[in-house]
Amino acid sequence: LKLMIDSPNIYLQDIDLAEATNVGLQFGSSLHGREAEMQSLKESCQRSISTGCEVAMICGTSGIGKSKLSDEFARSAKESGSIFISGRCDKLQSQPLKPISSAYNKYCAWL
C-alpha cells in the first residue's frame, strides 16, 4: 500500500475491465524489490554465453511476481540477442515434467 500511496501514477490508474480480463491487470512496468533476482538471472545468462550451458529456474508461491520477473528478464535477454524459452507449472494438474517439456517444445519450434 505504501508504494501505491507514494507512486499513485504507477499503481492507481483507470483500467478498462473488458480489456483487463484479456490481458490481466498491469501495475506499472517496473519491478519493485526484485533487483537481486533480476541480477542473478542476468549473471546466469552471461555464464551461459561463456560456458555454453546454464539453466535458471524461478520458483515460489502464487502471486509473488514470478511471471513479471520472467517477462522482464525475457525482454532483456531478447534485446541482448539471447534465446529465451520458458515453461510453466499448473498446480491443478499433476504433470511434474510439464515445465521442462513445454520449454523444450518451444525451443524445438524456434529451431
N, C-alpha and C. Protein backbone atom coordinates (compact mmCIF):
# COMPACT_ATOMS: atom_id res chain seq x y z
N LEU A 1 0.82 -1.19 0.00
CA LEU A 1 0.00 0.00 0.00
C LEU A 1 0.86 1.26 0.00
N LYS A 2 2.00 1.18 0.68
CA LYS A 2 2.87 2.35 0.72
C LYS A 2 3.32 2.74 -0.69
N LEU A 3 3.66 1.75 -1.52
CA LEU A 3 4.05 2.05 -2.89
C LEU A 3 2.91 2.72 -3.65
N MET A 4 1.69 2.27 -3.42
CA MET A 4 0.53 2.87 -4.10
C MET A 4 0.34 4.32 -3.67
N ILE A 5 0.56 4.59 -2.39
CA ILE A 5 0.41 5.95 -1.89
C ILE A 5 1.55 6.83 -2.38
N ASP A 6 2.78 6.30 -2.37
CA ASP A 6 3.94 7.07 -2.79
C ASP A 6 3.99 7.31 -4.30
N SER A 7 3.48 6.37 -5.08
CA SER A 7 3.52 6.47 -6.55
C SER A 7 2.17 6.17 -7.17
N PRO A 8 1.16 6.99 -6.91
CA PRO A 8 -0.18 6.68 -7.42
C PRO A 8 -0.24 6.66 -8.95
N ASN A 9 0.62 7.41 -9.62
CA ASN A 9 0.58 7.43 -11.08
C ASN A 9 0.98 6.08 -11.68
N ILE A 10 1.70 5.25 -10.94
CA ILE A 10 2.09 3.92 -11.41
C ILE A 10 1.02 2.89 -11.08
N TYR A 11 0.49 2.95 -9.86
CA TYR A 11 -0.37 1.88 -9.37
C TYR A 11 -1.87 2.17 -9.45
N LEU A 12 -2.24 3.42 -9.36
CA LEU A 12 -3.66 3.76 -9.38
C LEU A 12 -3.98 4.42 -10.71
N GLN A 13 -4.65 3.68 -11.54
CA GLN A 13 -4.98 4.20 -12.86
C GLN A 13 -6.30 3.63 -13.31
N ASP A 14 -6.93 4.32 -14.24
CA ASP A 14 -8.18 3.83 -14.81
C ASP A 14 -7.86 2.65 -15.71
N ILE A 15 -8.59 1.57 -15.51
CA ILE A 15 -8.38 0.36 -16.30
C ILE A 15 -9.71 -0.05 -16.91
N ASP A 16 -9.72 -0.30 -18.20
CA ASP A 16 -10.90 -0.81 -18.88
C ASP A 16 -11.03 -2.29 -18.50
N LEU A 17 -12.02 -2.64 -17.69
CA LEU A 17 -12.14 -4.00 -17.19
C LEU A 17 -12.37 -5.02 -18.30
N ALA A 18 -12.99 -4.61 -19.39
CA ALA A 18 -13.16 -5.54 -20.51
C ALA A 18 -11.79 -5.93 -21.07
N GLU A 19 -10.89 -4.98 -21.15
CA GLU A 19 -9.54 -5.24 -21.63
C GLU A 19 -8.73 -5.98 -20.57
N ALA A 20 -8.93 -5.66 -19.30
CA ALA A 20 -8.16 -6.28 -18.22
C ALA A 20 -8.43 -7.78 -18.13
N THR A 21 -9.62 -8.22 -18.47
CA THR A 21 -9.91 -9.65 -18.41
C THR A 21 -9.13 -10.41 -19.46
N ASN A 22 -8.72 -9.73 -20.53
CA ASN A 22 -7.96 -10.39 -21.59
C ASN A 22 -6.46 -10.38 -21.34
N VAL A 23 -5.96 -9.33 -20.74
CA VAL A 23 -4.51 -9.21 -20.59
C VAL A 23 -4.06 -9.24 -19.14
N GLY A 24 -4.94 -9.25 -18.19
CA GLY A 24 -4.57 -9.22 -16.78
C GLY A 24 -4.31 -7.79 -16.33
N LEU A 25 -4.42 -7.57 -15.08
CA LEU A 25 -4.19 -6.24 -14.54
C LEU A 25 -2.69 -5.96 -14.53
N GLN A 26 -2.32 -4.80 -14.98
CA GLN A 26 -0.92 -4.41 -15.02
C GLN A 26 -0.70 -3.29 -14.00
N PHE A 27 0.28 -3.44 -13.17
CA PHE A 27 0.59 -2.43 -12.16
C PHE A 27 1.94 -1.80 -12.48
N GLY A 28 1.96 -1.00 -13.49
CA GLY A 28 3.21 -0.35 -13.87
C GLY A 28 4.09 -1.27 -14.69
N SER A 29 5.21 -0.74 -15.11
CA SER A 29 6.08 -1.52 -15.99
C SER A 29 7.43 -1.86 -15.35
N SER A 30 7.60 -1.54 -14.10
CA SER A 30 8.90 -1.82 -13.49
C SER A 30 8.77 -2.83 -12.37
N LEU A 31 9.88 -3.48 -12.08
CA LEU A 31 9.93 -4.45 -10.98
C LEU A 31 10.26 -3.71 -9.69
N HIS A 32 9.62 -4.10 -8.63
CA HIS A 32 9.89 -3.49 -7.33
C HIS A 32 10.37 -4.59 -6.39
N GLY A 33 11.56 -4.42 -5.86
CA GLY A 33 12.09 -5.38 -4.89
C GLY A 33 12.62 -6.64 -5.52
N ARG A 34 12.85 -6.67 -6.81
CA ARG A 34 13.35 -7.86 -7.49
C ARG A 34 14.68 -7.62 -8.19
N GLU A 35 15.38 -6.58 -7.77
CA GLU A 35 16.64 -6.25 -8.42
C GLU A 35 17.67 -7.37 -8.26
N ALA A 36 17.75 -7.97 -7.07
CA ALA A 36 18.73 -9.04 -6.83
C ALA A 36 18.41 -10.26 -7.69
N GLU A 37 17.13 -10.62 -7.80
CA GLU A 37 16.75 -11.75 -8.62
C GLU A 37 17.02 -11.49 -10.09
N MET A 38 16.73 -10.26 -10.54
CA MET A 38 17.00 -9.91 -11.94
C MET A 38 18.50 -9.96 -12.22
N GLN A 39 19.29 -9.47 -11.29
CA GLN A 39 20.75 -9.51 -11.46
C GLN A 39 21.24 -10.96 -11.52
N SER A 40 20.68 -11.81 -10.69
CA SER A 40 21.06 -13.22 -10.69
C SER A 40 20.73 -13.87 -12.04
N LEU A 41 19.58 -13.54 -12.60
CA LEU A 41 19.21 -14.08 -13.92
C LEU A 41 20.15 -13.56 -15.01
N LYS A 42 20.50 -12.28 -14.93
CA LYS A 42 21.42 -11.71 -15.92
C LYS A 42 22.80 -12.36 -15.82
N GLU A 43 23.26 -12.63 -14.60
CA GLU A 43 24.54 -13.30 -14.42
C GLU A 43 24.49 -14.72 -14.96
N SER A 44 23.38 -15.39 -14.76
CA SER A 44 23.19 -16.74 -15.31
C SER A 44 23.26 -16.70 -16.83
N CYS A 45 22.64 -15.70 -17.41
CA CYS A 45 22.68 -15.54 -18.87
C CYS A 45 24.11 -15.33 -19.35
N GLN A 46 24.87 -14.50 -18.65
CA GLN A 46 26.27 -14.25 -19.03
C GLN A 46 27.10 -15.53 -18.91
N ARG A 47 26.86 -16.31 -17.86
CA ARG A 47 27.59 -17.58 -17.71
C ARG A 47 27.23 -18.52 -18.86
N SER A 48 25.98 -18.52 -19.29
CA SER A 48 25.59 -19.41 -20.39
C SER A 48 26.29 -19.02 -21.68
N ILE A 49 26.53 -17.74 -21.85
CA ILE A 49 27.24 -17.28 -23.05
C ILE A 49 28.69 -17.73 -23.01
N SER A 50 29.32 -17.67 -21.84
CA SER A 50 30.73 -18.03 -21.75
C SER A 50 30.96 -19.54 -21.64
N THR A 51 30.04 -20.28 -21.03
CA THR A 51 30.24 -21.72 -20.86
C THR A 51 29.41 -22.56 -21.81
N GLY A 52 28.38 -21.97 -22.40
CA GLY A 52 27.54 -22.71 -23.34
C GLY A 52 26.38 -23.44 -22.71
N CYS A 53 26.27 -23.44 -21.41
CA CYS A 53 25.17 -24.15 -20.77
C CYS A 53 24.83 -23.53 -19.42
N GLU A 54 23.56 -23.23 -19.24
CA GLU A 54 23.09 -22.70 -17.96
C GLU A 54 21.58 -22.82 -17.93
N VAL A 55 21.05 -23.21 -16.80
CA VAL A 55 19.60 -23.28 -16.60
C VAL A 55 19.27 -22.44 -15.38
N ALA A 56 18.23 -21.63 -15.49
CA ALA A 56 17.76 -20.85 -14.34
C ALA A 56 16.29 -21.17 -14.11
N MET A 57 15.93 -21.31 -12.86
CA MET A 57 14.54 -21.57 -12.52
C MET A 57 14.04 -20.48 -11.59
N ILE A 58 12.83 -20.04 -11.83
CA ILE A 58 12.17 -19.07 -10.96
C ILE A 58 11.05 -19.82 -10.26
N CYS A 59 11.17 -19.96 -8.95
CA CYS A 59 10.22 -20.74 -8.17
C CYS A 59 9.62 -19.89 -7.07
N GLY A 60 8.44 -20.26 -6.62
CA GLY A 60 7.83 -19.57 -5.49
C GLY A 60 6.33 -19.74 -5.48
N THR A 61 5.72 -19.21 -4.45
CA THR A 61 4.28 -19.33 -4.29
C THR A 61 3.55 -18.37 -5.22
N SER A 62 2.27 -18.59 -5.36
CA SER A 62 1.44 -17.77 -6.25
C SER A 62 1.44 -16.31 -5.81
N GLY A 63 1.50 -15.43 -6.81
CA GLY A 63 1.32 -14.01 -6.55
C GLY A 63 2.54 -13.23 -6.11
N ILE A 64 3.73 -13.82 -6.17
CA ILE A 64 4.91 -13.09 -5.69
C ILE A 64 5.68 -12.40 -6.80
N GLY A 65 5.20 -12.54 -8.04
CA GLY A 65 5.82 -11.82 -9.15
C GLY A 65 6.73 -12.64 -10.03
N LYS A 66 6.57 -13.96 -10.03
CA LYS A 66 7.43 -14.81 -10.87
C LYS A 66 7.24 -14.50 -12.35
N SER A 67 6.01 -14.38 -12.78
CA SER A 67 5.72 -14.11 -14.20
C SER A 67 6.26 -12.76 -14.62
N LYS A 68 6.08 -11.76 -13.79
CA LYS A 68 6.57 -10.41 -14.11
C LYS A 68 8.10 -10.42 -14.21
N LEU A 69 8.75 -11.08 -13.27
CA LEU A 69 10.21 -11.20 -13.30
C LEU A 69 10.65 -11.92 -14.57
N SER A 70 10.00 -13.01 -14.90
CA SER A 70 10.32 -13.76 -16.09
C SER A 70 10.11 -12.94 -17.36
N ASP A 71 9.01 -12.22 -17.42
CA ASP A 71 8.72 -11.39 -18.59
C ASP A 71 9.77 -10.29 -18.77
N GLU A 72 10.13 -9.65 -17.66
CA GLU A 72 11.14 -8.58 -17.73
C GLU A 72 12.50 -9.14 -18.14
N PHE A 73 12.86 -10.31 -17.60
CA PHE A 73 14.13 -10.91 -17.98
C PHE A 73 14.10 -11.34 -19.44
N ALA A 74 13.00 -11.91 -19.89
CA ALA A 74 12.87 -12.33 -21.29
C ALA A 74 13.08 -11.15 -22.22
N ARG A 75 12.47 -10.03 -21.89
CA ARG A 75 12.63 -8.83 -22.71
C ARG A 75 14.11 -8.42 -22.75
N SER A 76 14.74 -8.39 -21.60
CA SER A 76 16.15 -8.01 -21.51
C SER A 76 17.04 -8.99 -22.28
N ALA A 77 16.78 -10.28 -22.13
CA ALA A 77 17.59 -11.30 -22.80
C ALA A 77 17.44 -11.21 -24.32
N LYS A 78 16.22 -11.04 -24.78
CA LYS A 78 15.98 -10.95 -26.22
C LYS A 78 16.62 -9.70 -26.81
N GLU A 79 16.60 -8.60 -26.06
CA GLU A 79 17.23 -7.37 -26.53
C GLU A 79 18.74 -7.54 -26.70
N SER A 80 19.33 -8.42 -25.89
CA SER A 80 20.77 -8.65 -25.98
C SER A 80 21.11 -9.76 -26.98
N GLY A 81 20.09 -10.29 -27.67
CA GLY A 81 20.33 -11.30 -28.70
C GLY A 81 20.28 -12.73 -28.20
N SER A 82 19.88 -12.94 -26.97
CA SER A 82 19.80 -14.29 -26.42
C SER A 82 18.48 -14.95 -26.79
N ILE A 83 18.46 -16.26 -26.69
CA ILE A 83 17.22 -17.03 -26.87
C ILE A 83 16.63 -17.24 -25.49
N PHE A 84 15.34 -16.99 -25.34
CA PHE A 84 14.68 -17.18 -24.06
C PHE A 84 13.53 -18.15 -24.26
N ILE A 85 13.54 -19.26 -23.52
CA ILE A 85 12.40 -20.18 -23.53
C ILE A 85 11.96 -20.38 -22.09
N SER A 86 10.71 -20.71 -21.93
CA SER A 86 10.19 -20.89 -20.57
C SER A 86 9.13 -21.98 -20.54
N GLY A 87 8.90 -22.49 -19.36
CA GLY A 87 7.85 -23.47 -19.12
C GLY A 87 7.15 -23.10 -17.83
N ARG A 88 5.91 -23.54 -17.70
CA ARG A 88 5.14 -23.18 -16.51
C ARG A 88 4.55 -24.42 -15.85
N CYS A 89 4.35 -24.31 -14.56
CA CYS A 89 3.65 -25.33 -13.79
C CYS A 89 2.21 -24.88 -13.57
N ASP A 90 1.32 -25.83 -13.57
CA ASP A 90 -0.07 -25.56 -13.19
C ASP A 90 -0.35 -26.47 -12.01
N LYS A 91 -0.52 -25.88 -10.84
CA LYS A 91 -0.65 -26.70 -9.63
C LYS A 91 -1.93 -27.52 -9.62
N LEU A 92 -2.86 -27.23 -10.53
CA LEU A 92 -4.09 -28.01 -10.60
C LEU A 92 -3.91 -29.28 -11.44
N GLN A 93 -2.81 -29.39 -12.15
CA GLN A 93 -2.52 -30.58 -12.95
C GLN A 93 -1.28 -31.25 -12.38
N SER A 94 -1.30 -32.57 -12.34
CA SER A 94 -0.12 -33.27 -11.80
C SER A 94 0.72 -33.78 -12.97
N GLN A 95 1.46 -32.86 -13.57
CA GLN A 95 2.38 -33.18 -14.65
C GLN A 95 3.75 -32.62 -14.27
N PRO A 96 4.52 -33.38 -13.49
CA PRO A 96 5.76 -32.84 -12.93
C PRO A 96 6.79 -32.38 -13.95
N LEU A 97 6.81 -32.95 -15.14
CA LEU A 97 7.80 -32.55 -16.14
C LEU A 97 7.24 -31.57 -17.16
N LYS A 98 6.04 -31.10 -16.95
CA LYS A 98 5.39 -30.19 -17.90
C LYS A 98 6.21 -28.93 -18.18
N PRO A 99 6.80 -28.26 -17.18
CA PRO A 99 7.59 -27.06 -17.49
C PRO A 99 8.78 -27.36 -18.40
N ILE A 100 9.42 -28.49 -18.18
CA ILE A 100 10.59 -28.85 -18.97
C ILE A 100 10.17 -29.22 -20.39
N SER A 101 9.12 -30.04 -20.53
CA SER A 101 8.68 -30.43 -21.87
C SER A 101 8.13 -29.23 -22.63
N SER A 102 7.46 -28.33 -21.94
CA SER A 102 6.94 -27.12 -22.57
C SER A 102 8.08 -26.24 -23.09
N ALA A 103 9.10 -26.06 -22.28
CA ALA A 103 10.26 -25.26 -22.70
C ALA A 103 10.98 -25.93 -23.87
N TYR A 104 11.12 -27.23 -23.81
CA TYR A 104 11.77 -27.97 -24.90
C TYR A 104 10.97 -27.84 -26.20
N ASN A 105 9.66 -27.95 -26.11
CA ASN A 105 8.81 -27.79 -27.29
C ASN A 105 8.95 -26.39 -27.89
N LYS A 106 9.03 -25.38 -27.05
CA LYS A 106 9.22 -24.01 -27.53
C LYS A 106 10.56 -23.87 -28.24
N TYR A 107 11.59 -24.50 -27.68
CA TYR A 107 12.91 -24.43 -28.30
C TYR A 107 12.91 -25.14 -29.65
N CYS A 108 12.29 -26.31 -29.72
CA CYS A 108 12.22 -27.04 -30.99
C CYS A 108 11.43 -26.24 -32.03
N ALA A 109 10.38 -25.58 -31.63
CA ALA A 109 9.60 -24.75 -32.56
C ALA A 109 10.45 -23.58 -33.04
N TRP A 110 11.30 -23.04 -32.16
CA TRP A 110 12.17 -21.92 -32.55
C TRP A 110 13.19 -22.35 -33.60
N LEU A 111 13.69 -23.61 -33.45
CA LEU A 111 14.69 -24.13 -34.40
C LEU A 111 14.10 -24.17 -35.78
